[in-house]
């Protein structure tokens, strides 16, 4: 269940980006993957298409259809924002965090460990 505050914030963001509910084509398709019989038998995967821009988003992050609808709209907002401004602030933060983590791992791997001295 999505909290009303989050729904209100998403609605404001959609209005700011010029995304109207009338411009969205929404359909539900069968999900796949983990989750068992419930996931494989119900249409809880959300396919959302913004007709003016042609951007399409498919979201199947959860078993709940309502949560997937919310997440799909949020992803659509990210995609439209990226198209309009050339970047998406939230996505840029996630990418930056992943890049830092990969750099730390790479440095740890590439640093040679000193070999023990020969005991002769």
PDB file of N, CA and C in Angstrom:
ATOM      1  N   UNK A   1       0.835  -1.180   0.000  1.00  0.00           N
ATOM      2  CA  UNK A   1       0.000   0.000   0.000  1.00  0.00           C
ATOM      3  C   UNK A   1       0.885   1.250   0.000  1.00  0.00           C
ATOM      4  N   UNK A   2       0.566   2.164  -0.854  1.00  0.00           N
ATOM      5  CA  UNK A   2       1.335   3.402  -0.971  1.00  0.00           C
ATOM      6  C   UNK A   2       0.673   4.471  -0.112  1.00  0.00           C
ATOM      7  N   UNK A   3       1.481   5.174   0.658  1.00  0.00           N
ATOM      8  CA  UNK A   3       0.942   6.210   1.543  1.00  0.00           C
ATOM      9  C   UNK A   3       0.399   7.380   0.736  1.00  0.00           C
ATOM     10  N   UNK A   4      -0.642   8.039   1.257  1.00  0.00           N
ATOM     11  CA  UNK A   4      -1.244   9.186   0.549  1.00  0.00           C
ATOM     12  C   UNK A   4      -0.261  10.329   0.294  1.00  0.00           C
ATOM     13  N   UNK A   5       0.703  10.512   1.212  1.00  0.00           N
ATOM     14  CA  UNK A   5       1.691  11.589   1.019  1.00  0.00           C
ATOM     15  C   UNK A   5       2.533  11.333  -0.224  1.00  0.00           C
ATOM     16  N   UNK A   6       2.912  10.065  -0.410  1.00  0.00           N
ATOM     17  CA  UNK A   6       3.719   9.719  -1.582  1.00  0.00           C
ATOM     18  C   UNK A   6       2.910   9.875  -2.861  1.00  0.00           C
ATOM     19  N   UNK A   7       1.634   9.498  -2.815  1.00  0.00           N
ATOM     20  CA  UNK A   7       0.781   9.666  -3.993  1.00  0.00           C
ATOM     21  C   UNK A   7       0.625  11.143  -4.347  1.00  0.00           C
ATOM     22  N   UNK A   8       0.454  11.987  -3.323  1.00  0.00           N
ATOM     23  CA  UNK A   8       0.321  13.423  -3.566  1.00  0.00           C
ATOM     24  C   UNK A   8       1.611  13.999  -4.151  1.00  0.00           C
ATOM     25  N   UNK A   9       2.765  13.555  -3.635  1.00  0.00           N
ATOM     26  CA  UNK A   9       4.048  14.045  -4.150  1.00  0.00           C
ATOM     27  C   UNK A   9       4.251  13.605  -5.601  1.00  0.00           C
ATOM     28  N   UNK A  10       3.839  12.372  -5.914  1.00  0.00           N
ATOM     29  CA  UNK A  10       3.960  11.885  -7.293  1.00  0.00           C
ATOM     30  C   UNK A  10       3.049  12.681  -8.224  1.00  0.00           C
ATOM     31  N   UNK A  11       1.842  12.975  -7.761  1.00  0.00           N
ATOM     32  CA  UNK A  11       0.903  13.751  -8.580  1.00  0.00           C
ATOM     33  C   UNK A  11       1.459  15.147  -8.879  1.00  0.00           C
ATOM     34  N   UNK A  12       2.054  15.779  -7.873  1.00  0.00           N
ATOM     35  CA  UNK A  12       2.666  17.099  -8.074  1.00  0.00           C
ATOM     36  C   UNK A  12       3.820  17.027  -9.067  1.00  0.00           C
ATOM     37  N   UNK A  13       4.620  15.984  -8.940  1.00  0.00           N
ATOM     38  CA  UNK A  13       5.754  15.829  -9.856  1.00  0.00           C
ATOM     39  C   UNK A  13       5.273  15.615 -11.286  1.00  0.00           C
ATOM     40  N   UNK A  14       4.208  14.826 -11.449  1.00  0.00           N
ATOM     41  CA  UNK A  14       3.659  14.591 -12.787  1.00  0.00           C
ATOM     42  C   UNK A  14       3.129  15.893 -13.380  1.00  0.00           C
ATOM     43  N   UNK A  15       2.462  16.694 -12.569  1.00  0.00           N
ATOM     44  CA  UNK A  15       1.962  17.984 -13.057  1.00  0.00           C
ATOM     45  C   UNK A  15       3.102  18.908 -13.442  1.00  0.00           C
ATOM     46  N   UNK A  16       4.168  18.918 -12.649  1.00  0.00           N
ATOM     47  CA  UNK A  16       5.319  19.775 -12.937  1.00  0.00           C
ATOM     48  C   UNK A  16       5.995  19.380 -14.249  1.00  0.00           C
ATOM     49  N   UNK A  17       5.997  18.073 -14.553  1.00  0.00           N
ATOM     50  CA  UNK A  17       6.628  17.599 -15.784  1.00  0.00           C
ATOM     51  C   UNK A  17       5.670  17.629 -16.974  1.00  0.00           C
ATOM     52  N   UNK A  18       4.406  17.938 -16.738  1.00  0.00           N
ATOM     53  CA  UNK A  18       3.431  18.003 -17.832  1.00  0.00           C
ATOM     54  C   UNK A  18       2.872  16.649 -18.231  1.00  0.00           C
ATOM     55  N   UNK A  19       2.858  15.709 -17.309  1.00  0.00           N
ATOM     56  CA  UNK A  19       2.307  14.378 -17.586  1.00  0.00           C
ATOM     57  C   UNK A  19       0.883  14.337 -17.055  1.00  0.00           C
ATOM     58  N   UNK A  20      -0.064  14.104 -17.945  1.00  0.00           N
ATOM     59  CA  UNK A  20      -1.469  14.010 -17.544  1.00  0.00           C
ATOM     60  C   UNK A  20      -1.912  12.552 -17.597  1.00  0.00           C
ATOM     61  N   UNK A  21      -2.853  12.207 -16.726  1.00  0.00           N
ATOM     62  CA  UNK A  21      -3.366  10.836 -16.702  1.00  0.00           C
ATOM     63  C   UNK A  21      -4.035  10.477 -18.033  1.00  0.00           C
ATOM     64  N   UNK A  22      -4.625  11.457 -18.726  1.00  0.00           N
ATOM     65  CA  UNK A  22      -5.285  11.200 -20.003  1.00  0.00           C
ATOM     66  C   UNK A  22      -4.287  10.790 -21.079  1.00  0.00           C
ATOM     67  N   UNK A  23      -3.025  11.182 -20.920  1.00  0.00           N
ATOM     68  CA  UNK A  23      -1.996  10.878 -21.910  1.00  0.00           C
ATOM     69  C   UNK A  23      -1.350   9.513 -21.688  1.00  0.00           C
ATOM     70  N   UNK A  24      -1.756   8.814 -20.644  1.00  0.00           N
ATOM     71  CA  UNK A  24      -1.133   7.536 -20.313  1.00  0.00           C
ATOM     72  C   UNK A  24      -1.986   6.373 -20.797  1.00  0.00           C
ATOM     73  N   UNK A  25      -1.332   5.414 -21.431  1.00  0.00           N
ATOM     74  CA  UNK A  25      -1.977   4.150 -21.791  1.00  0.00           C
ATOM     75  C   UNK A  25      -1.441   3.116 -20.814  1.00  0.00           C
ATOM     76  N   UNK A  26      -2.344   2.536 -20.051  1.00  0.00           N
ATOM     77  CA  UNK A  26      -1.935   1.598 -19.021  1.00  0.00           C
ATOM     78  C   UNK A  26      -2.529   0.227 -19.313  1.00  0.00           C
ATOM     79  N   UNK A  27      -1.685  -0.788 -19.234  1.00  0.00           N
ATOM     80  CA  UNK A  27      -2.190  -2.153 -19.388  1.00  0.00           C
ATOM     81  C   UNK A  27      -1.469  -3.038 -18.388  1.00  0.00           C
ATOM     82  N   UNK A  28      -2.099  -4.138 -18.086  1.00  0.00           N
ATOM     83  CA  UNK A  28      -1.548  -5.068 -17.110  1.00  0.00           C
ATOM     84  C   UNK A  28      -1.253  -6.384 -17.812  1.00  0.00           C
ATOM     85  N   UNK A  29      -0.066  -6.880 -17.615  1.00  0.00           N
ATOM     86  CA  UNK A  29       0.341  -8.133 -18.245  1.00  0.00           C
ATOM     87  C   UNK A  29       0.781  -9.096 -17.164  1.00  0.00           C
ATOM     88  N   UNK A  30       0.902 -10.336 -17.520  1.00  0.00           N
ATOM     89  CA  UNK A  30       1.333 -11.342 -16.562  1.00  0.00           C
ATOM     90  C   UNK A  30       2.787 -11.172 -16.222  1.00  0.00           C
ATOM     91  N   UNK A  31       3.063 -11.273 -14.965  1.00  0.00           N
ATOM     92  CA  UNK A  31       4.443 -11.161 -14.518  1.00  0.00           C
ATOM     93  C   UNK A  31       5.165 -12.486 -14.669  1.00  0.00           C
ATOM     94  N   UNK A  32       6.433 -12.471 -14.366  1.00  0.00           N
ATOM     95  CA  UNK A  32       7.222 -13.696 -14.421  1.00  0.00           C
ATOM     96  C   UNK A  32       8.297 -13.595 -13.360  1.00  0.00           C
ATOM     97  N   UNK A  33       8.982 -14.684 -13.169  1.00  0.00           N
ATOM     98  CA  UNK A  33      10.080 -14.683 -12.219  1.00  0.00           C
ATOM     99  C   UNK A  33       9.657 -15.207 -10.867  1.00  0.00           C
ATOM    100  N   UNK A  34      10.371 -14.777  -9.827  1.00  0.00           N
ATOM    101  CA  UNK A  34      10.127 -15.272  -8.485  1.00  0.00           C
ATOM    102  C   UNK A  34       8.791 -14.779  -7.958  1.00  0.00           C
ATOM    103  N   UNK A  35       8.196 -15.526  -7.064  1.00  0.00           N
ATOM    104  CA  UNK A  35       6.932 -15.130  -6.469  1.00  0.00           C
ATOM    105  C   UNK A  35       5.927 -16.251  -6.491  1.00  0.00           C
ATOM    106  N   UNK A  36       6.212 -17.294  -7.234  1.00  0.00           N
ATOM    107  CA  UNK A  36       5.358 -18.471  -7.215  1.00  0.00           C
ATOM    108  C   UNK A  36       4.106 -18.346  -8.048  1.00  0.00           C
ATOM    109  N   UNK A  37       3.118 -19.146  -7.677  1.00  0.00           N
ATOM    110  CA  UNK A  37       1.898 -19.275  -8.450  1.00  0.00           C
ATOM    111  C   UNK A  37       1.136 -17.956  -8.545  1.00  0.00           C
ATOM    112  N   UNK A  38       1.128 -17.180  -7.473  1.00  0.00           N
ATOM    113  CA  UNK A  38       0.385 -15.911  -7.459  1.00  0.00           C
ATOM    114  C   UNK A  38       0.889 -14.970  -8.561  1.00  0.00           C
ATOM    115  N   UNK A  39       2.197 -14.898  -8.717  1.00  0.00           N
ATOM    116  CA  UNK A  39       2.785 -14.007  -9.727  1.00  0.00           C
ATOM    117  C   UNK A  39       2.488 -14.516 -11.134  1.00  0.00           C
ATOM    118  N   UNK A  40       2.564 -15.816 -11.312  1.00  0.00           N
ATOM    119  CA  UNK A  40       2.419 -16.374 -12.644  1.00  0.00           C
ATOM    120  C   UNK A  40       0.968 -16.431 -13.130  1.00  0.00           C
ATOM    121  N   UNK A  41      -0.002 -16.316 -12.227  1.00  0.00           N
ATOM    122  CA  UNK A  41      -1.408 -16.435 -12.618  1.00  0.00           C
ATOM    123  C   UNK A  41      -2.140 -15.099 -12.676  1.00  0.00           C
ATOM    124  N   UNK A  42      -1.565 -14.049 -12.129  1.00  0.00           N
ATOM    125  CA  UNK A  42      -2.271 -12.765 -12.084  1.00  0.00           C
ATOM    126  C   UNK A  42      -1.588 -11.737 -12.978  1.00  0.00           C
ATOM    127  N   UNK A  43      -2.367 -10.796 -13.455  1.00  0.00           N
ATOM    128  CA  UNK A  43      -1.841  -9.718 -14.302  1.00  0.00           C
ATOM    129  C   UNK A  43      -1.453  -8.539 -13.420  1.00  0.00           C
ATOM    130  N   UNK A  44      -0.294  -8.618 -12.794  1.00  0.00           N
ATOM    131  CA  UNK A  44       0.113  -7.551 -11.896  1.00  0.00           C
ATOM    132  C   UNK A  44       1.334  -6.784 -12.393  1.00  0.00           C
ATOM    133  N   UNK A  45       1.828  -7.084 -13.559  1.00  0.00           N
ATOM    134  CA  UNK A  45       2.923  -6.341 -14.167  1.00  0.00           C
ATOM    135  C   UNK A  45       2.311  -5.169 -14.937  1.00  0.00           C
ATOM    136  N   UNK A  46       2.790  -3.968 -14.675  1.00  0.00           N
ATOM    137  CA  UNK A  46       2.196  -2.763 -15.260  1.00  0.00           C
ATOM    138  C   UNK A  46       3.020  -2.294 -16.452  1.00  0.00           C
ATOM    139  N   UNK A  47       2.343  -2.090 -17.572  1.00  0.00           N
ATOM    140  CA  UNK A  47       2.959  -1.532 -18.775  1.00  0.00           C
ATOM    141  C   UNK A  47       2.341  -0.161 -18.970  1.00  0.00           C
ATOM    142  N   UNK A  48       3.164   0.871 -18.927  1.00  0.00           N
ATOM    143  CA  UNK A  48       2.684   2.251 -18.985  1.00  0.00           C
ATOM    144  C   UNK A  48       3.348   2.948 -20.161  1.00  0.00           C
ATOM    145  N   UNK A  49       2.537   3.628 -20.985  1.00  0.00           N
ATOM    146  CA  UNK A  49       3.068   4.322 -22.160  1.00  0.00           C
ATOM    147  C   UNK A  49       2.561   5.753 -22.171  1.00  0.00           C
ATOM    148  N   UNK A  50       3.483   6.696 -22.325  1.00  0.00           N
ATOM    149  CA  UNK A  50       3.132   8.113 -22.417  1.00  0.00           C
ATOM    150  C   UNK A  50       3.026   8.458 -23.899  1.00  0.00           C
ATOM    151  N   UNK A  51       1.819   8.673 -24.388  1.00  0.00           N
ATOM    152  CA  UNK A  51       1.607   8.823 -25.827  1.00  0.00           C
ATOM    153  C   UNK A  51       2.298  10.041 -26.449  1.00  0.00           C
ATOM    154  N   UNK A  52       2.334  11.226 -25.812  1.00  0.00           N
ATOM    155  CA  UNK A  52       3.002  12.356 -26.471  1.00  0.00           C
ATOM    156  C   UNK A  52       4.501  12.132 -26.715  1.00  0.00           C
ATOM    157  N   UNK A  53       5.173  11.485 -25.788  1.00  0.00           N
ATOM    158  CA  UNK A  53       6.616  11.288 -25.954  1.00  0.00           C
ATOM    159  C   UNK A  53       6.960   9.904 -26.484  1.00  0.00           C
ATOM    160  N   UNK A  54       6.051   8.950 -26.330  1.00  0.00           N
ATOM    161  CA  UNK A  54       6.311   7.594 -26.781  1.00  0.00           C
ATOM    162  C   UNK A  54       7.137   6.776 -25.804  1.00  0.00           C
ATOM    163  N   UNK A  55       7.358   7.295 -24.610  1.00  0.00           N
ATOM    164  CA  UNK A  55       8.142   6.582 -23.603  1.00  0.00           C
ATOM    165  C   UNK A  55       7.285   5.483 -22.997  1.00  0.00           C
ATOM    166  N   UNK A  56       7.835   4.293 -22.911  1.00  0.00           N
ATOM    167  CA  UNK A  56       7.129   3.158 -22.327  1.00  0.00           C
ATOM    168  C   UNK A  56       7.924   2.604 -21.155  1.00  0.00           C
ATOM    169  N   UNK A  57       7.203   2.217 -20.110  1.00  0.00           N
ATOM    170  CA  UNK A  57       7.814   1.686 -18.904  1.00  0.00           C
ATOM    171  C   UNK A  57       7.079   0.419 -18.510  1.00  0.00           C
ATOM    172  N   UNK A  58       7.833  -0.583 -18.094  1.00  0.00           N
ATOM    173  CA  UNK A  58       7.248  -1.832 -17.624  1.00  0.00           C
ATOM    174  C   UNK A  58       7.764  -2.068 -16.220  1.00  0.00           C
ATOM    175  N   UNK A  59       6.859  -2.301 -15.263  1.00  0.00           N
ATOM    176  CA  UNK A  59       7.269  -2.442 -13.876  1.00  0.00           C
ATOM    177  C   UNK A  59       6.640  -3.685 -13.259  1.00  0.00           C
ATOM    178  N   UNK A  60       7.491  -4.542 -12.719  1.00  0.00           N
ATOM    179  CA  UNK A  60       7.035  -5.734 -12.016  1.00  0.00           C
ATOM    180  C   UNK A  60       7.953  -5.953 -10.826  1.00  0.00           C
ATOM    181  N   UNK A  61       8.027  -4.950  -9.962  1.00  0.00           N
ATOM    182  CA  UNK A  61       8.928  -5.005  -8.820  1.00  0.00           C
ATOM    183  C   UNK A  61       8.297  -5.687  -7.617  1.00  0.00           C
ATOM    184  N   UNK A  62       6.973  -5.767  -7.594  1.00  0.00           N
ATOM    185  CA  UNK A  62       6.286  -6.307  -6.438  1.00  0.00           C
ATOM    186  C   UNK A  62       5.102  -7.153  -6.887  1.00  0.00           C
ATOM    187  N   UNK A  63       4.531  -7.925  -5.973  1.00  0.00           N
ATOM    188  CA  UNK A  63       3.364  -8.734  -6.307  1.00  0.00           C
ATOM    189  C   UNK A  63       2.090  -7.905  -6.354  1.00  0.00           C
ATOM    190  N   UNK A  64       2.111  -6.747  -5.748  1.00  0.00           N
ATOM    191  CA  UNK A  64       0.933  -5.888  -5.669  1.00  0.00           C
ATOM    192  C   UNK A  64       0.785  -5.042  -6.933  1.00  0.00           C
ATOM    193  N   UNK A  65      -0.409  -5.063  -7.510  1.00  0.00           N
ATOM    194  CA  UNK A  65      -0.654  -4.274  -8.713  1.00  0.00           C
ATOM    195  C   UNK A  65      -0.614  -2.784  -8.401  1.00  0.00           C
ATOM    196  N   UNK A  66      -1.177  -2.374  -7.279  1.00  0.00           N
ATOM    197  CA  UNK A  66      -1.210  -0.946  -6.923  1.00  0.00           C
ATOM    198  C   UNK A  66       0.198  -0.390  -6.714  1.00  0.00           C
ATOM    199  N   UNK A  67       1.047  -1.139  -6.048  1.00  0.00           N
ATOM    200  CA  UNK A  67       2.417  -0.677  -5.848  1.00  0.00           C
ATOM    201  C   UNK A  67       3.161  -0.609  -7.174  1.00  0.00           C
ATOM    202  N   UNK A  68       2.932  -1.576  -8.046  1.00  0.00           N
ATOM    203  CA  UNK A  68       3.568  -1.551  -9.368  1.00  0.00           C
ATOM    204  C   UNK A  68       3.070  -0.365 -10.197  1.00  0.00           C
ATOM    205  N   UNK A  69       1.809   0.008 -10.054  1.00  0.00           N
ATOM    206  CA  UNK A  69       1.285   1.188 -10.765  1.00  0.00           C
ATOM    207  C   UNK A  69       2.014   2.444 -10.297  1.00  0.00           C
ATOM    208  N   UNK A  70       2.191   2.573  -8.988  1.00  0.00           N
ATOM    209  CA  UNK A  70       2.894   3.725  -8.430  1.00  0.00           C
ATOM    210  C   UNK A  70       4.338   3.766  -8.912  1.00  0.00           C
ATOM    211  N   UNK A  71       5.022   2.621  -8.833  1.00  0.00           N
ATOM    212  CA  UNK A  71       6.429   2.562  -9.237  1.00  0.00           C
ATOM    213  C   UNK A  71       6.600   2.831 -10.736  1.00  0.00           C
ATOM    214  N   UNK A  72       5.653   2.362 -11.547  1.00  0.00           N
ATOM    215  CA  UNK A  72       5.730   2.599 -12.995  1.00  0.00           C
ATOM    216  C   UNK A  72       5.588   4.089 -13.294  1.00  0.00           C
ATOM    217  N   UNK A  73       4.682   4.758 -12.599  1.00  0.00           N
ATOM    218  CA  UNK A  73       4.522   6.197 -12.805  1.00  0.00           C
ATOM    219  C   UNK A  73       5.770   6.954 -12.370  1.00  0.00           C
ATOM    220  N   UNK A  74       6.382   6.513 -11.289  1.00  0.00           N
ATOM    221  CA  UNK A  74       7.612   7.156 -10.822  1.00  0.00           C
ATOM    222  C   UNK A  74       8.736   6.964 -11.835  1.00  0.00           C
ATOM    223  N   UNK A  75       8.855   5.755 -12.394  1.00  0.00           N
ATOM    224  CA  UNK A  75       9.870   5.507 -13.426  1.00  0.00           C
ATOM    225  C   UNK A  75       9.594   6.337 -14.677  1.00  0.00           C
ATOM    226  N   UNK A  76       8.331   6.475 -15.026  1.00  0.00           N
ATOM    227  CA  UNK A  76       7.966   7.291 -16.188  1.00  0.00           C
ATOM    228  C   UNK A  76       8.362   8.744 -15.954  1.00  0.00           C
ATOM    229  N   UNK A  77       8.123   9.256 -14.748  1.00  0.00           N
ATOM    230  CA  UNK A  77       8.535  10.627 -14.425  1.00  0.00           C
ATOM    231  C   UNK A  77      10.046  10.785 -14.566  1.00  0.00           C
ATOM    232  N   UNK A  78      10.798   9.791 -14.096  1.00  0.00           N
ATOM    233  CA  UNK A  78      12.255   9.842 -14.233  1.00  0.00           C
ATOM    234  C   UNK A  78      12.656   9.893 -15.704  1.00  0.00           C
ATOM    235  N   UNK A  79      12.006   9.071 -16.524  1.00  0.00           N
ATOM    236  CA  UNK A  79      12.352   9.010 -17.946  1.00  0.00           C
ATOM    237  C   UNK A  79      12.000  10.317 -18.656  1.00  0.00           C
ATOM    238  N   UNK A  80      10.846  10.885 -18.349  1.00  0.00           N
ATOM    239  CA  UNK A  80      10.432  12.150 -18.981  1.00  0.00           C
ATOM    240  C   UNK A  80      11.358  13.273 -18.528  1.00  0.00           C
ATOM    241  N   UNK A  81      11.703  13.289 -17.237  1.00  0.00           N
ATOM    242  CA  UNK A  81      12.612  14.319 -16.730  1.00  0.00           C
ATOM    243  C   UNK A  81      13.975  14.212 -17.399  1.00  0.00           C
ATOM    244  N   UNK A  82      14.441  12.978 -17.581  1.00  0.00           N
ATOM    245  CA  UNK A  82      15.727  12.792 -18.238  1.00  0.00           C
ATOM    246  C   UNK A  82      15.666  13.265 -19.687  1.00  0.00           C
ATOM    247  N   UNK A  83      14.551  13.029 -20.351  1.00  0.00           N
ATOM    248  CA  UNK A  83      14.412  13.460 -21.734  1.00  0.00           C
ATOM    249  C   UNK A  83      14.351  14.987 -21.836  1.00  0.00           C
ATOM    250  N   UNK A  84      13.647  15.626 -20.898  1.00  0.00           N
ATOM    251  CA  UNK A  84      13.485  17.079 -20.952  1.00  0.00           C
ATOM    252  C   UNK A  84      14.752  17.829 -20.538  1.00  0.00           C
ATOM    253  N   UNK A  85      15.374  17.377 -19.442  1.00  0.00           N
ATOM    254  CA  UNK A  85      16.517  18.120 -18.909  1.00  0.00           C
ATOM    255  C   UNK A  85      17.853  17.499 -19.273  1.00  0.00           C
ATOM    256  N   UNK A  86      17.819  16.282 -19.749  1.00  0.00           N
ATOM    257  CA  UNK A  86      19.068  15.614 -20.082  1.00  0.00           C
ATOM    258  C   UNK A  86      19.654  14.837 -18.920  1.00  0.00           C
ATOM    259  N   UNK A  87      19.043  14.955 -17.756  1.00  0.00           N
ATOM    260  CA  UNK A  87      19.526  14.196 -16.600  1.00  0.00           C
ATOM    261  C   UNK A  87      18.377  13.998 -15.620  1.00  0.00           C
ATOM    262  N   UNK A  88      18.555  13.047 -14.768  1.00  0.00           N
ATOM    263  CA  UNK A  88      17.584  12.761 -13.724  1.00  0.00           C
ATOM    264  C   UNK A  88      18.344  12.753 -12.408  1.00  0.00           C
ATOM    265  N   UNK A  89      17.965  13.612 -11.495  1.00  0.00           N
ATOM    266  CA  UNK A  89      18.718  13.775 -10.255  1.00  0.00           C
ATOM    267  C   UNK A  89      18.743  12.501  -9.423  1.00  0.00           C
ATOM    268  N   UNK A  90      17.610  11.859  -9.261  1.00  0.00           N
ATOM    269  CA  UNK A  90      17.553  10.653  -8.428  1.00  0.00           C
ATOM    270  C   UNK A  90      18.389   9.537  -9.048  1.00  0.00           C
ATOM    271  N   UNK A  91      18.244   9.350 -10.331  1.00  0.00           N
ATOM    272  CA  UNK A  91      18.993   8.287 -11.011  1.00  0.00           C
ATOM    273  C   UNK A  91      20.488   8.587 -10.999  1.00  0.00           C
ATOM    274  N   UNK A  92      20.847   9.862 -11.130  1.00  0.00           N
ATOM    275  CA  UNK A  92      22.256  10.239 -11.109  1.00  0.00           C
ATOM    276  C   UNK A  92      22.887   9.910  -9.766  1.00  0.00           C
ATOM    277  N   UNK A  93      22.150  10.109  -8.673  1.00  0.00           N
ATOM    278  CA  UNK A  93      22.676   9.776  -7.351  1.00  0.00           C
ATOM    279  C   UNK A  93      22.921   8.280  -7.221  1.00  0.00           C
ATOM    280  N   UNK A  94      21.979   7.483  -7.706  1.00  0.00           N
ATOM    281  CA  UNK A  94      22.130   6.025  -7.630  1.00  0.00           C
ATOM    282  C   UNK A  94      23.325   5.577  -8.453  1.00  0.00           C
ATOM    283  N   UNK A  95      23.472   6.115  -9.648  1.00  0.00           N
ATOM    284  CA  UNK A  95      24.591   5.751 -10.511  1.00  0.00           C
ATOM    285  C   UNK A  95      25.906   6.161  -9.868  1.00  0.00           C
ATOM    286  N   UNK A  96      25.957   7.343  -9.279  1.00  0.00           N
ATOM    287  CA  UNK A  96      27.177   7.818  -8.634  1.00  0.00           C
ATOM    288  C   UNK A  96      27.561   6.909  -7.470  1.00  0.00           C
ATOM    289  N   UNK A  97      26.576   6.489  -6.672  1.00  0.00           N
ATOM    290  CA  UNK A  97      26.844   5.611  -5.540  1.00  0.00           C
ATOM    291  C   UNK A  97      27.380   4.259  -6.014  1.00  0.00           C
ATOM    292  N   UNK A  98      26.786   3.718  -7.082  1.00  0.00           N
ATOM    293  CA  UNK A  98      27.257   2.446  -7.621  1.00  0.00           C
ATOM    294  C   UNK A  98      28.664   2.576  -8.182  1.00  0.00           C
ATOM    295  N   UNK A  99      28.942   3.688  -8.832  1.00  0.00           N
ATOM    296  CA  UNK A  99      30.268   3.909  -9.403  1.00  0.00           C
ATOM    297  C   UNK A  99      31.337   3.968  -8.307  1.00  0.00           C
ATOM    298  N   UNK A 100      31.017   4.655  -7.196  1.00  0.00           N
ATOM    299  CA  UNK A 100      31.960   4.721  -6.082  1.00  0.00           C
ATOM    300  C   UNK A 100      32.223   3.333  -5.506  1.00  0.00           C
ATOM    301  N   UNK A 101      31.161   2.558  -5.357  1.00  0.00           N
ATOM    302  CA  UNK A 101      31.301   1.218  -4.810  1.00  0.00           C
ATOM    303  C   UNK A 101      32.171   0.347  -5.717  1.00  0.00           C
ATOM    304  N   UNK A 102      31.963   0.436  -7.022  1.00  0.00           N
ATOM    305  CA  UNK A 102      32.771  -0.342  -7.959  1.00  0.00           C
ATOM    306  C   UNK A 102      34.231   0.090  -7.915  1.00  0.00           C
ATOM    307  N   UNK A 103      34.475   1.402  -7.802  1.00  0.00           N
ATOM    308  CA  UNK A 103      35.855   1.883  -7.712  1.00  0.00           C
ATOM    309  C   UNK A 103      36.551   1.349  -6.467  1.00  0.00           C
ATOM    310  N   UNK A 104      35.838   1.354  -5.334  1.00  0.00           N
ATOM    311  CA  UNK A 104      36.434   0.822  -4.104  1.00  0.00           C
ATOM    312  C   UNK A 104      36.784  -0.649  -4.269  1.00  0.00           C
ATOM    313  N   UNK A 105      35.880  -1.413  -4.857  1.00  0.00           N
ATOM    314  CA  UNK A 105      36.131  -2.845  -5.062  1.00  0.00           C
ATOM    315  C   UNK A 105      37.301  -3.061  -6.011  1.00  0.00           C
ATOM    316  N   UNK A 106      37.366  -2.255  -7.063  1.00  0.00           N
ATOM    317  CA  UNK A 106      38.444  -2.394  -8.038  1.00  0.00           C
ATOM    318  C   UNK A 106      39.797  -2.099  -7.383  1.00  0.00           C
ATOM    319  N   UNK A 107      39.846  -1.055  -6.561  1.00  0.00           N
ATOM    320  CA  UNK A 107      41.093  -0.710  -5.876  1.00  0.00           C
ATOM    321  C   UNK A 107      41.515  -1.813  -4.915  1.00  0.00           C
ATOM    322  N   UNK A 108      40.542  -2.374  -4.202  1.00  0.00           N
ATOM    323  CA  UNK A 108      40.846  -3.449  -3.264  1.00  0.00           C
ATOM    324  C   UNK A 108      41.397  -4.677  -3.982  1.00  0.00           C
ATOM    325  N   UNK A 109      40.820  -4.970  -5.147  1.00  0.00           N
ATOM    326  CA  UNK A 109      41.266  -6.137  -5.924  1.00  0.00           C
ATOM    327  C   UNK A 109      42.631  -5.923  -6.531  1.00  0.00           C
ATOM    328  N   UNK A 110      42.895  -4.729  -7.027  1.00  0.00           N
ATOM    329  CA  UNK A 110      44.134  -4.485  -7.767  1.00  0.00           C
ATOM    330  C   UNK A 110      45.341  -4.294  -6.855  1.00  0.00           C
ATOM    331  N   UNK A 111      45.133  -3.993  -5.582  1.00  0.00           N
ATOM    332  CA  UNK A 111      46.250  -3.831  -4.674  1.00  0.00           C
ATOM    333  C   UNK A 111      46.843  -5.190  -4.358  1.00  0.00           C
ATOM    334  N   UNK A 112      48.099  -5.409  -4.731  1.00  0.00           N
ATOM    335  CA  UNK A 112      48.687  -6.731  -4.481  1.00  0.00           C
ATOM    336  C   UNK A 112      48.951  -6.925  -2.992  1.00  0.00           C
ATOM    337  N   UNK A 113      48.658  -8.104  -2.521  1.00  0.00           N
ATOM    338  CA  UNK A 113      48.932  -8.415  -1.118  1.00  0.00           C
ATOM    339  C   UNK A 113      50.389  -8.842  -0.993  1.00  0.00           C
ATOM    340  N   UNK A 114      51.054  -8.373   0.042  1.00  0.00           N
ATOM    341  CA  UNK A 114      52.478  -8.739   0.177  1.00  0.00           C
ATOM    342  C   UNK A 114      52.610 -10.228   0.441  1.00  0.00           C
ATOM    343  N   UNK A 115      53.601 -10.819  -0.212  1.00  0.00           N
ATOM    344  CA  UNK A 115      53.828 -12.245  -0.027  1.00  0.00           C
ATOM    345  C   UNK A 115      54.638 -12.462   1.249  1.00  0.00           C
ATOM    346  N   UNK A 116      54.392 -13.576   1.930  1.00  0.00           N
ATOM    347  CA  UNK A 116      55.137 -13.836   3.182  1.00  0.00           C
ATOM    348  C   UNK A 116      56.608 -14.092   2.865  1.00  0.00           C
ATOM    349  N   UNK A 117      57.489 -13.697   3.771  1.00  0.00           N
ATOM    350  CA  UNK A 117      58.914 -13.901   3.528  1.00  0.00           C
ATOM    351  C   UNK A 117      59.269 -15.391   3.539  1.00  0.00           C
ATOM    352  N   UNK A 118      60.308 -15.729   2.782  1.00  0.00           N
ATOM    353  CA  UNK A 118      60.751 -17.128   2.734  1.00  0.00           C
ATOM    354  C   UNK A 118      61.400 -17.490   4.079  1.00  0.00           C
ATOM    355  N   UNK A 119      61.043 -18.613   4.587  1.00  0.00           N
ATOM    356  CA  UNK A 119      61.602 -19.025   5.878  1.00  0.00           C
ATOM    357  C   UNK A 119      62.706 -20.060   5.667  1.00  0.00           C
ATOM    358  N   UNK A 120      63.826 -19.656   5.159  1.00  0.00           N
ATOM    359  CA  UNK A 120      64.973 -20.563   4.941  1.00  0.00           C
ATOM    360  C   UNK A 120      66.181 -20.074   5.632  1.00  0.00           C
TER     361      UNK A 120
END
